[in-house]
Each structure stands twice: as structure tokens, then as C-alpha cells.
Protein backbone atom coordinates (compact mmCIF):
# COMPACT_ATOMS: atom_id res chain seq x y z
CA MET A 1 3.12 -9.54 -30.74
CA GLU A 2 5.90 -8.63 -33.18
CA GLN A 3 3.85 -5.86 -34.82
CA HIS A 4 2.74 -4.59 -31.42
CA PHE A 5 6.34 -4.30 -30.19
CA ALA A 6 7.37 -2.54 -33.41
CA LEU A 7 4.87 0.29 -32.69
CA LEU A 8 5.12 0.35 -28.90
CA GLU A 9 6.45 3.68 -27.57
CA VAL A 10 8.32 2.79 -24.37
CA GLU A 11 11.88 2.98 -23.10
CA ARG A 12 14.35 0.63 -24.78
CA THR A 13 14.95 -1.21 -21.53
CA THR A 14 11.18 -1.67 -21.05
CA ARG A 15 10.79 -2.93 -24.61
CA SER A 16 13.62 -5.41 -24.04
CA THR A 17 11.88 -6.70 -20.89
CA TYR A 18 8.56 -7.11 -22.73
CA GLU A 19 10.20 -8.91 -25.65
CA ASN A 20 12.03 -11.24 -23.27
CA LEU A 21 8.75 -12.12 -21.49
CA ALA A 22 7.11 -12.83 -24.84
CA THR A 23 9.99 -15.00 -26.06
CA THR A 24 10.37 -16.91 -22.78
CA HIS A 25 6.76 -17.44 -21.71
CA ILE A 26 4.06 -16.19 -24.09
CA LEU A 27 5.14 -17.53 -27.47
CA PRO A 28 6.24 -21.03 -26.29
CA LEU A 29 2.89 -21.71 -24.59
CA ILE A 30 0.19 -19.87 -26.57
CA GLY A 31 2.10 -18.44 -29.53
CA LYS A 32 0.50 -20.89 -31.98
CA VAL A 33 -3.07 -20.27 -30.85
CA LYS A 34 -5.10 -18.41 -33.49
CA LEU A 35 -6.58 -15.07 -32.51
CA ALA A 36 -10.13 -16.30 -33.04
CA ALA A 37 -9.52 -19.18 -30.62
CA LEU A 38 -8.33 -16.96 -27.76
CA SER A 39 -10.68 -16.91 -24.79
CA SER A 40 -10.66 -16.25 -21.07
CA GLN A 41 -10.20 -19.97 -20.47
CA VAL A 42 -7.03 -19.98 -22.58
CA PHE A 43 -5.51 -17.20 -20.50
CA ASP A 44 -6.63 -18.68 -17.18
CA SER A 45 -4.98 -21.99 -18.13
CA PHE A 46 -1.89 -20.09 -19.29
CA TYR A 47 -1.57 -18.29 -15.94
CA ALA A 48 -2.14 -21.55 -14.07
CA GLU A 49 0.77 -23.14 -15.95
CA LEU A 50 3.02 -20.20 -15.08
CA ARG A 51 2.08 -20.61 -11.42
CA ARG A 52 2.96 -24.30 -11.63
CA CYS A 53 6.39 -24.17 -13.26
CA ARG A 54 8.42 -21.26 -14.57
CA THR A 55 10.31 -23.49 -17.03
CA HIS A 56 7.10 -25.02 -18.49
CA CYS A 57 8.20 -28.60 -17.90
CA ASN A 58 6.00 -31.43 -19.19
CA ARG A 59 5.74 -33.02 -15.71
CA ARG A 60 8.35 -35.63 -16.58
CA LYS A 61 11.44 -36.29 -14.51
CA ALA A 62 14.42 -34.39 -15.84
CA ILE A 63 17.88 -33.26 -14.83
CA GLU A 64 18.82 -29.59 -14.65
CA HIS A 65 22.40 -29.42 -15.93
CA TRP A 66 24.66 -26.68 -14.68
CA LYS A 67 25.74 -25.83 -18.24
CA ARG A 68 24.38 -26.52 -21.68
CA THR A 69 27.60 -27.63 -23.41
CA SER A 70 29.06 -31.10 -23.13
CA HIS A 71 30.28 -31.81 -19.59
CA GLY A 72 30.61 -34.48 -16.96
CA CYS A 73 27.66 -34.35 -14.53
CA ASP A 74 28.43 -33.78 -10.85
CA HIS A 75 26.63 -32.41 -7.77
CA ARG A 76 25.78 -29.25 -9.70
CA CYS A 77 23.46 -31.22 -11.99
CA ARG A 78 20.27 -31.83 -10.02
CA PRO A 79 16.77 -33.25 -10.61
CA HIS A 80 14.33 -30.63 -11.82
CA VAL A 81 12.00 -29.18 -9.18
CA CYS A 82 9.04 -27.09 -10.38
CA LYS A 83 9.05 -23.51 -9.12
CA PRO A 84 6.23 -21.03 -9.82
CA LEU A 85 6.84 -17.82 -11.69
CA ALA A 86 6.72 -14.76 -9.46
CA GLN A 87 3.29 -13.20 -9.06
CA SER A 88 4.55 -9.78 -10.15
CA THR A 89 6.06 -11.28 -13.33
CA ILE A 90 2.77 -12.95 -14.26
CA ARG A 91 1.02 -9.61 -13.82
CA GLN A 92 3.62 -8.02 -16.09
CA ILE A 93 2.92 -10.69 -18.72
CA HIS A 94 -0.78 -9.87 -18.38
CA VAL A 95 0.03 -6.20 -19.08
CA VAL A 96 1.97 -7.14 -22.23
CA LEU A 97 -0.88 -9.33 -23.52
CA SER A 98 -3.53 -6.72 -22.70
CA GLY A 99 -1.70 -4.03 -24.66
CA ALA A 100 -1.22 -6.26 -27.71
CA LEU A 101 -4.88 -7.40 -27.73
CA ARG A 102 -6.19 -3.84 -27.34
CA ARG A 103 -4.20 -2.95 -30.45
CA ALA A 104 -5.67 -5.98 -32.23
CA VAL A 105 -9.19 -4.71 -31.41
CA ARG A 106 -8.33 -1.24 -32.75
CA TRP A 107 -7.02 -2.82 -35.93
CA GLN A 108 -10.28 -4.79 -36.15
CA TRP A 109 -8.46 -8.10 -36.06
CA LEU A 110 -10.76 -8.97 -33.16
CA ALA A 111 -14.31 -7.91 -32.36
CA ARG A 112 -13.68 -7.94 -28.60
CA ASN A 113 -10.78 -8.28 -26.23
CA PRO A 114 -10.73 -11.91 -24.98
CA ILE A 115 -8.44 -11.14 -22.02
CA GLU A 116 -10.88 -8.74 -20.33
CA HIS A 117 -12.59 -11.53 -18.36
CA ALA A 118 -9.45 -13.51 -17.54
CA GLU A 119 -8.30 -13.60 -13.91
CA PRO A 120 -4.72 -12.38 -13.62
CA PRO A 121 -2.96 -12.73 -10.25
CA ARG A 122 -3.57 -10.00 -7.75
CA GLN A 123 -1.09 -7.23 -7.24
CA PRO A 124 1.34 -8.60 -4.64
CA PRO A 125 1.66 -6.47 -1.51
CA ALA A 126 4.69 -4.22 -1.46
CA LYS A 127 7.32 -5.58 0.91
CA PRO A 128 10.29 -3.24 0.99
CA GLN A 129 13.10 -4.84 2.92
CA PRO A 130 15.62 -2.07 3.57
CA PRO A 131 18.78 -2.82 5.51
CA THR A 132 18.52 -2.17 9.22
CA SER A 133 20.30 0.82 10.77
CA GLU A 134 23.03 -1.50 12.00
CA GLU A 135 23.47 -3.08 8.55
CA ALA A 136 23.50 0.34 6.87
CA ALA A 137 26.23 1.48 9.26
CA ARG A 138 28.31 -1.64 8.53
CA ILE A 139 27.94 -1.14 4.78
CA LEU A 140 28.93 2.50 4.97
CA ASN A 141 31.89 1.84 7.28
CA ALA A 142 33.18 -0.91 4.99
CA SER A 143 32.99 1.38 1.95
CA TRP A 144 35.28 4.09 3.38
CA ASP A 145 38.34 2.25 2.04
CA ASP A 146 37.45 4.11 -1.17
CA PRO A 147 36.14 7.58 -0.18
CA ASP A 148 34.61 8.25 -3.62
CA TRP A 149 32.68 4.98 -3.45
CA ALA A 150 31.58 5.80 0.10
CA VAL A 151 30.23 9.18 -1.03
CA LEU A 152 28.09 7.44 -3.67
CA ILE A 153 26.61 5.06 -1.08
CA TRP A 154 26.12 7.92 1.40
CA LEU A 155 24.31 10.03 -1.21
CA THR A 156 22.04 7.11 -2.07
CA MET A 157 21.10 6.69 1.58
CA VAL A 158 20.32 10.36 2.23
CA THR A 159 18.63 11.25 -1.08
CA GLY A 160 17.03 7.93 -2.11
CA SER A 161 18.18 8.48 -5.71
CA ARG A 162 18.15 5.65 -8.23
CA ARG A 163 21.48 4.27 -9.42
CA GLY A 164 20.95 5.62 -12.96
CA GLU A 165 20.23 9.10 -11.58
CA LEU A 166 23.49 9.09 -9.62
CA CYS A 167 25.40 7.93 -12.70
CA ALA A 168 23.99 10.89 -14.69
CA LEU A 169 24.69 13.46 -11.95
CA ARG A 170 26.97 16.28 -13.10
CA TRP A 171 28.75 18.89 -11.03
CA HIS A 172 26.56 21.71 -12.37
CA ASP A 173 23.61 19.82 -10.82
CA VAL A 174 25.19 20.14 -7.36
CA ASP A 175 24.81 23.55 -5.69
CA LEU A 176 27.10 23.34 -2.66
CA VAL A 177 26.37 26.95 -1.67
CA ARG A 178 22.59 26.61 -1.54
CA GLU A 179 22.91 22.95 -0.45
CA VAL A 180 20.65 21.66 -3.21
CA LEU A 181 20.95 18.68 -5.56
CA ARG A 182 19.12 18.68 -8.92
CA VAL A 183 18.02 15.37 -10.44
CA GLU A 184 17.14 15.90 -14.10
CA ARG A 185 18.33 12.85 -16.03
CA SER A 186 19.29 9.21 -15.71
CA VAL A 187 21.64 6.71 -17.32
CA ALA A 188 20.12 3.54 -18.78
CA GLN A 189 22.01 0.38 -19.68
CA LEU A 190 21.16 -2.51 -21.96
CA GLY A 191 23.91 -5.08 -22.19
CA SER A 192 27.13 -3.09 -22.52
CA GLU A 193 25.42 -0.10 -24.15
CA THR A 194 24.57 2.97 -22.05
CA TRP A 195 22.78 6.24 -22.82
CA GLU A 196 21.33 9.23 -21.00
CA LYS A 197 17.56 9.60 -20.77
CA ASP A 198 14.89 11.32 -18.73
CA THR A 199 14.16 10.18 -15.18
CA LYS A 200 11.83 7.22 -14.68
CA THR A 201 8.75 9.33 -13.88
CA ARG A 202 9.88 12.26 -16.09
CA GLN A 203 10.08 14.43 -12.99
CA HIS A 204 12.88 16.93 -12.41
CA ARG A 205 13.36 17.44 -8.71
CA ARG A 206 15.46 19.45 -6.27
CA ILE A 207 16.68 17.68 -3.14
CA ALA A 208 17.91 19.59 -0.11
CA LEU A 209 21.26 18.42 1.25
CA ASP A 210 22.28 18.24 4.89
CA PRO A 211 25.55 19.89 6.03
CA GLU A 212 27.36 16.54 6.31
CA SER A 213 26.48 15.65 2.71
CA VAL A 214 27.71 19.07 1.55
CA THR A 215 31.00 18.47 3.38
CA LEU A 216 31.47 15.05 1.79
CA LEU A 217 30.63 16.33 -1.70
CA THR A 218 33.03 19.27 -1.26
CA ALA A 219 35.85 16.88 -0.30
CA HIS A 220 34.88 14.57 -3.20
CA ARG A 221 35.06 17.46 -5.68
CA ALA A 222 38.47 18.47 -4.32
CA ARG A 223 39.77 14.91 -4.89
CA CYS A 224 38.37 14.93 -8.44
CA MET A 225 40.11 18.25 -9.18
CA GLU A 226 43.42 16.97 -7.75
CA LEU A 227 43.21 13.83 -9.92
CA ALA A 228 42.45 15.89 -13.03
CA ALA A 229 45.38 18.21 -12.29
CA ALA A 230 47.70 15.24 -11.80
CA LEU A 231 46.68 14.01 -15.25
CA GLY A 232 47.33 17.44 -16.78
CA THR A 233 43.70 18.39 -17.38
CA GLU A 234 40.89 20.28 -15.66
CA LEU A 235 37.58 19.19 -14.21
CA ALA A 236 34.88 20.65 -16.46
CA LEU A 237 31.71 22.20 -15.05
CA ASP A 238 29.61 19.53 -16.74
CA ALA A 239 31.86 16.69 -15.55
CA TYR A 240 30.17 13.71 -13.98
CA VAL A 241 30.20 13.60 -10.18
CA PHE A 242 30.93 9.87 -10.22
CA SER A 243 33.21 8.95 -13.09
CA GLY A 244 35.71 6.33 -14.07
CA SER A 245 37.90 8.82 -15.95
CA GLY A 246 40.25 11.39 -14.49
CA ASP A 247 38.59 14.40 -16.15
CA GLY A 248 35.04 13.26 -15.30
CA SER A 249 34.05 13.04 -18.98
CA THR A 250 32.47 9.57 -18.67
CA HIS A 251 29.82 8.31 -16.30
CA LEU A 252 29.76 5.12 -14.30
CA LYS A 253 27.65 2.24 -15.58
CA PRO A 254 24.63 1.25 -13.46
CA LYS A 255 25.50 -2.45 -13.62
CA THR A 256 29.04 -1.70 -12.45
CA ILE A 257 27.60 -0.11 -9.31
CA THR A 258 25.31 -3.08 -8.75
CA ARG A 259 28.11 -5.65 -9.09
CA ARG A 260 30.48 -3.76 -6.81
CA TYR A 261 27.81 -3.28 -4.16
CA SER A 262 26.86 -6.97 -4.36
CA ARG A 263 30.45 -7.99 -3.69
CA LEU A 264 30.61 -5.60 -0.73
CA VAL A 265 27.48 -6.87 1.03
CA GLN A 266 28.40 -10.48 0.27
CA GLN A 267 31.70 -9.98 2.11
CA LEU A 268 29.75 -8.53 5.05
CA GLY A 269 27.25 -11.41 5.06
CA ILE A 270 24.27 -9.09 4.45
CA GLN A 271 21.50 -10.13 2.07
CA THR A 272 20.42 -6.94 0.32
CA THR A 273 20.64 -5.07 -2.98
CA PHE A 274 21.70 -1.58 -4.00
CA HIS A 275 18.11 -0.53 -4.76
CA LYS A 276 17.13 -1.29 -1.16
CA LEU A 277 19.23 1.69 -0.05
CA ARG A 278 16.44 3.71 -1.66
CA HIS A 279 13.95 1.80 0.52
CA TYR A 280 16.15 2.58 3.52
CA SER A 281 16.03 6.32 2.80
CA ALA A 282 12.24 6.31 2.36
CA THR A 283 11.41 4.27 5.45
CA GLU A 284 13.76 6.28 7.67
CA LEU A 285 12.21 9.54 6.47
CA ILE A 286 8.66 8.36 7.08
CA ALA A 287 9.52 6.81 10.44
CA SER A 288 11.07 10.11 11.55
CA GLY A 289 7.79 11.93 10.87
CA VAL A 290 8.42 13.51 7.44
CA ASP A 291 5.11 13.88 5.57
CA VAL A 292 4.42 11.55 2.67
CA ARG A 293 4.29 14.25 -0.03
CA THR A 294 7.78 15.46 0.92
CA VAL A 295 9.13 11.89 0.85
CA ALA A 296 7.46 11.33 -2.54
CA GLY A 297 9.09 14.52 -3.86
CA ARG A 298 12.57 13.45 -2.74
CA LEU A 299 12.14 9.98 -4.26
CA GLY A 300 10.54 11.19 -7.49
CA HIS A 301 7.30 9.25 -7.03
CA GLY A 302 4.26 10.28 -9.04
CA GLY A 303 0.63 10.44 -7.97
CA GLY A 304 1.12 12.96 -5.17
CA GLY A 305 2.41 10.34 -2.76
CA ALA A 306 0.08 7.47 -3.68
CA THR A 307 3.01 5.26 -4.73
CA THR A 308 4.89 6.16 -1.56
CA LEU A 309 1.97 5.19 0.65
CA ARG A 310 1.35 1.95 -1.26
CA VAL A 311 4.97 0.81 -1.09
CA TYR A 312 6.19 2.10 2.27
CA ALA A 313 3.36 3.11 4.58
CA ALA A 314 2.37 -0.46 5.42
CA TRP A 315 5.91 -1.14 6.61
CA VAL A 316 6.08 1.80 9.02
CA SER A 317 2.33 2.29 9.70
CA GLU A 318 2.86 5.98 9.08
CA ALA A 319 -0.77 6.75 8.26
CA ASP A 320 -1.99 4.98 11.39
CA GLN A 321 0.56 6.79 13.55
CA ARG A 322 -0.52 10.18 12.21
CA ALA A 323 -4.20 9.33 12.65
CA SER A 324 -3.71 8.45 16.31
CA SER A 325 -1.49 11.48 16.96
CA GLY A 326 -3.94 13.82 15.25
CA LEU A 327 -6.84 12.48 17.29
CA LEU A 328 -4.87 12.68 20.54
CA ASP A 329 -3.98 16.32 19.84
CA ARG A 330 -7.68 17.23 19.64
CA LEU A 331 -8.90 15.33 22.70
CA PRO A 332 -9.18 17.27 25.99
CA ARG A 333 -6.73 16.28 28.70
CA ARG A 334 -7.94 14.55 31.82
CA PRO A 335 -8.52 16.88 34.80
CA THR A 336 -5.62 17.61 37.16
CA GLY A 337 -5.69 15.47 40.25
CA ASP A 338 -6.95 12.36 38.49
CA PRO A 339 -4.81 9.48 39.82
CA GLY A 340 -4.37 8.27 36.24
CA VAL A 341 -2.86 11.51 34.91
CA VAL A 342 0.55 10.90 33.37
CA GLY A 343 3.30 13.00 34.92
CA PRO A 344 6.06 14.75 32.96
CA ASP A 345 8.65 12.12 33.90
CA GLU A 346 6.59 9.35 32.31
CA LEU A 347 5.06 11.20 29.36
CA PHE A 348 5.78 9.93 25.84
CA ALA A 349 5.85 12.88 23.42
CA ARG A 350 3.44 11.95 20.68
CA SER A 351 1.82 15.35 20.05
CA PRO A 352 3.46 18.63 19.00
CA TYR A 353 2.29 20.50 22.13
CA GLU A 354 3.72 17.75 24.37
CA ARG A 355 7.09 17.87 22.63
CA ALA A 356 7.19 21.66 23.03
CA ALA A 357 6.17 21.45 26.70
CA MET A 358 8.83 18.87 27.53
CA ASP A 359 11.55 20.85 25.77
CA LEU A 360 10.56 23.96 27.76
CA ARG A 361 10.46 21.87 30.95
CA ALA A 362 14.01 20.68 30.30
CA GLN A 363 15.16 24.31 29.83
CA ILE A 364 13.44 25.32 33.09
CA LEU A 365 15.00 22.47 35.05
CA ASP A 366 18.54 23.08 33.80
CA GLY A 367 18.29 26.84 34.41
CA THR A 368 18.30 27.97 30.78
CA ILE A 369 14.98 29.69 31.55
CA GLU A 370 15.50 31.11 35.02
CA ALA A 371 12.89 31.03 37.79
CA GLY A 372 10.90 34.25 37.98
CA SER A 373 11.49 35.13 34.34
CA PRO A 374 8.60 35.31 31.87
CA LEU A 375 8.07 32.43 29.49
CA PRO A 376 8.31 33.31 25.78
CA THR A 377 5.00 34.45 24.30
CA VAL A 378 2.79 31.95 22.52
CA LEU A 379 3.65 33.69 19.24
CA ASP A 380 7.36 33.14 19.91
CA LEU A 381 6.73 29.51 20.88
CA SER A 382 4.63 29.02 17.77
CA GLU A 383 7.47 30.24 15.57
CA ARG A 384 10.21 28.42 17.51
CA TYR A 385 8.56 24.98 17.39
CA GLY A 386 6.68 25.37 14.11
CA ILE A 387 3.28 24.86 15.71
CA ALA A 388 -0.01 26.75 15.72
CA VAL A 389 -0.74 29.40 18.34
CA GLY A 390 -3.47 27.22 19.83
CA THR A 391 -1.01 24.33 20.10
CA ALA A 392 1.50 26.61 21.86
CA ASN A 393 -1.25 27.60 24.32
CA ARG A 394 -1.79 23.91 25.10
CA ALA A 395 1.95 23.51 25.77
CA VAL A 396 1.84 26.39 28.28
CA GLY A 397 -1.23 24.84 29.89
CA LEU A 398 0.66 21.58 30.30
CA LEU A 399 3.55 23.40 32.00
CA LYS A 400 1.04 25.00 34.35
CA GLU A 401 -0.46 21.59 35.14
CA TRP A 402 3.03 20.35 36.05
CA GLY A 403 3.50 23.30 38.42
CA LEU A 404 6.34 24.84 36.44
CA VAL A 405 4.74 28.15 35.45
CA ASP A 406 2.09 30.54 36.70
CA ALA A 407 -0.12 31.27 33.69
CA ARG A 408 -3.03 33.68 33.89
CA ARG A 409 -5.38 35.00 31.27
CA GLY A 410 -4.13 38.22 29.67
CA ALA A 411 -0.62 37.98 31.16
CA ARG A 412 2.60 36.22 30.23
CA ALA A 413 3.37 32.98 32.05
CA ILE A 414 6.01 33.28 34.80
CA VAL A 415 8.45 30.47 35.58
CA LEU A 416 8.11 29.25 39.16
CA GLY A 417 11.01 28.42 41.48
CA ARG A 418 12.14 24.79 41.82
CA ASP A 419 13.57 24.80 45.36
CA GLU A 420 11.85 21.51 46.05
CA ALA A 421 13.47 19.82 43.08
CA ASP A 422 15.12 16.53 43.90
CA PRO A 423 18.93 16.52 43.80
CA PRO A 424 20.47 14.40 41.06
CA ALA A 425 20.90 10.76 41.96
CA SER A 426 23.92 8.64 41.24
CA VAL A 427 24.72 5.58 39.15
CA ILE A 428 27.18 2.78 39.59
CA THR A 429 28.00 0.90 36.39
CA ARG A 430 30.79 -1.50 35.48
CA ASP A 431 32.77 -1.44 32.28
CA GLU A 432 34.02 -4.49 30.38
CA GLY A 433 37.01 -4.79 32.69
CA GLY A 434 34.78 -4.90 35.77
CA ASP A 435 35.92 -1.52 37.11
CA ALA A 436 33.14 0.52 38.74
CA ARG A 437 32.49 4.11 37.85
CA GLN A 438 29.95 6.61 39.15
CA THR A 439 27.94 9.44 37.53
CA ASP A 440 25.26 11.73 38.85
CA LEU A 441 22.07 11.02 36.91
CA VAL A 442 21.05 7.41 37.42
CA GLU A 443 20.66 5.41 40.61
CA ILE A 444 21.40 1.74 40.12
CA SER A 445 22.70 -0.20 43.10
CA GLU A 446 23.04 -3.77 44.26
CA SER A 447 19.43 -3.57 45.46
CA CYS A 448 18.29 -3.91 41.85
CA PRO A 449 16.74 -7.26 40.90
CA PRO A 450 19.39 -9.64 39.56
CA ALA A 451 17.38 -10.02 36.34
CA VAL A 452 18.05 -6.37 35.48
CA GLN A 453 21.22 -5.18 33.78
CA VAL A 454 22.02 -1.58 32.98
CA VAL A 455 24.95 -1.18 30.62
CA ALA A 456 26.54 2.21 29.94
CA GLN A 457 27.39 2.66 26.28
CA ALA A 458 29.37 5.53 24.76
CA THR A 459 29.08 7.62 27.96
CA ALA A 460 27.34 7.37 31.29
CA GLN A 461 26.63 11.12 31.33
CA LEU A 462 23.11 11.61 29.98
CA PRO A 463 22.30 14.95 28.31
CA ASP A 464 19.73 17.45 29.48
CA GLY A 465 16.55 17.95 27.50
CA LEU A 466 14.58 15.45 25.43
CA LEU A 467 15.61 11.82 25.05
CA GLU A 468 14.76 9.26 22.41
CA LEU A 469 13.70 5.82 23.62
CA VAL A 470 14.36 3.09 21.06
CA LEU A 471 12.80 -0.34 21.53
CA ARG A 472 14.89 -3.05 19.88
CA ARG A 473 14.29 -6.75 19.33
CA ARG A 474 16.99 -9.11 18.12
CA GLY A 475 19.14 -6.21 16.97
CA ALA A 476 16.43 -4.41 14.95
CA ASP A 477 14.56 -1.24 15.86
CA VAL A 478 10.88 -1.95 16.65
CA ASN A 479 9.59 1.37 17.92
CA ARG A 480 10.88 4.76 19.00
CA VAL A 481 9.43 7.72 20.87
CA VAL A 482 10.69 11.06 22.19
CA THR A 483 10.26 11.67 25.89
CA ALA A 484 11.26 14.02 28.67
CA PRO A 485 14.02 12.97 31.10
CA VAL A 486 12.72 9.89 32.89
CA PRO A 487 13.52 8.51 36.37
CA LEU A 488 16.33 6.13 35.49
CA ASN A 489 15.90 3.46 38.15
CA ALA A 490 15.34 -0.22 37.60
CA GLU A 491 11.59 -0.10 38.26
CA SER A 492 10.93 2.86 35.95
CA LEU A 493 13.07 1.46 33.13
CA ARG A 494 11.34 -1.90 33.37
CA LYS A 495 7.96 -0.13 33.21
CA LEU A 496 9.03 1.82 30.12
CA LEU A 497 10.28 -1.38 28.48
CA LEU A 498 7.00 -3.19 29.13
CA ASP A 499 5.02 -0.20 27.88
CA GLY A 500 7.02 -0.11 24.65
CA ILE A 501 6.53 -3.85 24.12
CA THR A 502 2.76 -3.48 24.58
CA ARG A 503 2.61 -0.53 22.16
CA SER A 504 4.45 -2.61 19.56
CA GLY A 505 2.01 -5.52 19.82
CA GLY A 506 4.15 -7.75 22.00
CA SER A 507 3.38 -9.38 25.33
CA ASP A 508 4.96 -9.23 28.78
CA GLU A 509 6.21 -12.81 28.43
CA GLU A 510 8.53 -11.70 25.59
CA ILE A 511 10.40 -9.13 27.67
CA GLY A 512 13.60 -11.16 27.49
CA GLN A 513 13.69 -10.66 23.71
CA TYR A 514 13.68 -6.85 23.90
CA GLU A 515 16.02 -4.11 25.01
CA LEU A 516 15.46 -0.40 25.57
CA GLU A 517 18.02 2.13 24.38
CA LEU A 518 18.17 5.74 25.53
CA ARG A 519 19.62 8.09 22.94
CA GLN A 520 20.03 11.79 22.58
CA VAL A 521 17.48 13.06 20.05
CA GLY A 522 19.02 12.87 16.57
CA ALA A 523 21.98 10.73 17.68
CA SER A 524 22.71 7.19 16.50
CA ASP A 525 24.73 5.90 19.46
CA ALA A 526 22.98 4.69 22.60
CA LEU A 527 23.73 6.43 25.89
CA LEU A 528 22.20 3.66 27.95
CA THR A 529 20.84 0.20 27.16
CA PHE A 530 18.38 -1.52 29.47
CA VAL A 531 17.88 -5.30 29.28
CA ALA A 532 15.53 -7.31 31.49
CA SER A 533 15.00 -11.07 31.46
CA ALA A 534 11.58 -12.68 31.75
């Protein structure tokens, strides 16, 4: 093992991990076994012992003292309880042993590799546990006491960068004009020593920034320049974006970020780690419909997205969602007049042509596209919504089925008049003080079942156009879809809630555990929350 580590070409942090595994687990248990005596049975027994107790106890009763020096025992000194070593750690030990024994075979110390027929533990399933949207908001809000620290957390959430990559970020890597962030290096730390190195997968990537991130980084740079000027110096072009010095000449230490973040979430009562902000970024991107290869590029995953799918797709069922949407987009629609045909007010937008049709419907209903005027051509619709020409044709066909346009072969579709359109209904809601207020989009009266509550949040005025329905259970998002404006009465909302529960694998009996939020597409605050008891 010692000669293998001396020749092993890996990162210093990786070498330190391997040496620690060898010192803690490999050498104490099988370090004295001669090479010729190694067999599959030796390794199977070795792995079984690791699964039994991570401290390799001899099955005798013992006391685990809270410190090794002389002390008076109290409640912190407890009887030893065997705990298995983590499955992923045992697999890592298997990797270390396999590499050393392959080298022994090359050196002709062994005629064959005795570990080839051993049974290491299976690869544990990836279980990313990112903070929920509510927890992420609480973490970000609590960090604004220090704007520079808040920018670091914000950038981690939106880019999914590793902590070492953020530590190594310099201002010449940030293009605020083109709104692009370059990730080309990372900072590693071993003990108190730090150094710059290549990224984990040796990939240099460019990450597009949203306007809000550009605004925050611009303000952050201005604060850094003001601090440097106050100290009588200037902020260099190659200064670090996140630095502990006034002139930006030194980078932050990765472990410093970890410790500060741990204190923050502990004060908030949230069980999470800084690295899980990276999981949060990935799962939110996939859940919003971003393709896996793009997510893999932003995160710096190798294998063309294979790692991304293995780690995250099981959590959001992204592949299954795309398979069902792709199949639905190719199936012919049921004929008009069929009693089971879904109307525009109840349609869930799961296909690109349906989303385009519902957006056009909203523009027709609010008068943006006037009655009697021609609908944009399918080429214009294709470019506007980023869909194929055939998909745009299907959207126009859906508008025709709803009676909104007159579409004929060889001619542009004409928007029909909506004289028969129903006038807007009204809503009566009560605020926390019990005062009633009325708006003009929802009809909720005392005739509603007493088990139904409709609570106005943020505003009772719902926007025109598409809405996002978010199904929540015990404070966590379960499912979300985009839909056209829906009839907001108690019966329709209850039907939508039950439909969302069924789609998410729940049952009608669990309706009291769910709530349905209506949001404007792209917004985080709910416009309306619907709750129904069983």
C-alpha cells in the first residue's frame, strides 16, 4: 500500500483520503496478511466486518469516552454501540485495494488479482436532498445581513458551482456585459493549506447569468472597489470575487465557507449542507424542463449528462416526464364533440403546442389579439415559441377546436369574435382581520362547502394569461403544471386538487394533506391557495 500511494497520480486531497482509509480500516484488519494468502474469502470477511462495526470492536462491552485524555466520566461517556461503515465508504475502500492489487500484478508480485471475485457492496442509489424552495428562501433571506455573503450563496444557487470554484473565481472571469461567468479553476484545501488547481472534472465551462445575478455582482464589485479605495489601494483585474482582504488579493478558504454556512442553517433549524445548494440548483433546473445536457454543462458533469441523470433524474423523474410528454405530442387528439374532450379551461399544458395554444387563447380573450384580425403565421409562431412548424400548426388547430379562430387550408387563421364570452365573476375573501374584500375574477360565496377554504395571498387580482398550479404537501412542492386560466370556483378547484393528487401517486383520502397554489408563471409567491379537508 505504501509503495502504491507513492506512485499514485491523483489530487493531494484524494491521496489524503485514500491514505486515511488505509490507515483507519485496511491496515488494522488485513495489513498483516501476506500477499500469497489473500483470497476472495479474505476480502468478503473484511467487508462483512466493516458492515458490522466501523470501529472494529472485538464484540466486548466497552465505553466510548468523550475525550482521550484523563477526565471524569459523565453523561457524554456512553456504552459502545456498533454502527456499520457507510456503503459508499466500503466501495471506496474496495477501489483503493483494487488499484493497489492491480499494481502488484503488474509488478509480478502476484500471478492474479485476488480481489476480482470478491463481492463489494453495491453502488448506493443517489439520494440528493436539496433544501426545499421555502428553506432556500429562508437561508437566502437570513444571509442578507452581509450582502457579500448573500451574493456567494445566491451565486451557488443559480450556477450550481462547487465551493472551491467560487473561492477561485476572479473578476476577469466575470463578464458583466455579456452576462457570462467562466469557471476555469478551483481552490483545494488540506488542513490549513490551500492551493489553486484545475476543476474536479478538468472542464472549463461558461455559465450564462440572469439579469438579477448580474445586478447583484455589479453591486458586489462596487462595494469591493469602495473598500479597496478606503484602504488606499485599487481592486486589480485578477482580484478574487470573494476575498477576505480589502484589495481582493487572497481567496476565501473552502472550509471557512462550510463552517459559516453550517452555523447559519443551524440557527435556522434546517438540516442541510453547503454542497446541497448545488443539488438545489440541479433539481430546480431539471424540474423546470431544462434538458439534461444543459444542466450537466452548467454543473461541470462529465459523460455527456450520464452523471446528472444518475444522481438527479430519479429524484425529479425527468426522463419519465419527457417520455410521456413526447408520446403525448405525437398522439392524435380525440375528435371534437367527444364528451370526454378536455376543454381549454381544464387543460393542463404538458406539450409545447398546448402551451402555445393557451398563451394565444389568453391574448385573444384579453384583447391583445383583436377579433377579426389575422393570427400570426405558423412561421412566426414557430419562432416566437421555439417550436417546430408542425407543432405550431397543431396549436392553431387546437384554437380552431375551441372556436377561437377560423382556420382554412391555404389562408391565415382569423380570430373570431367573443360576444358570447361570460362576464368576469366576483370573489369575496377575508383577510387576517376578518374584513371582506371583493375582486372580479373568482366567485366564492357562502354557498361553498364549509370544508373548502380559499385564502388570498399576496393579491386577490389574478393575472391574465398562463398560470402555474403548484401542488404542495406538508410545505413541500410535489408537482407543478402550467395551465390556462381555470374556472376558479370551489368545485373546479377541488377537481384540480384531486387531479393533481392522483397524478402524483396519492389517493383521494389524502386530500386533507395537500394544498393547491396558483402562481403567475415564473413567480415564487402564490396568488391563491386552495385547501380542502377530507
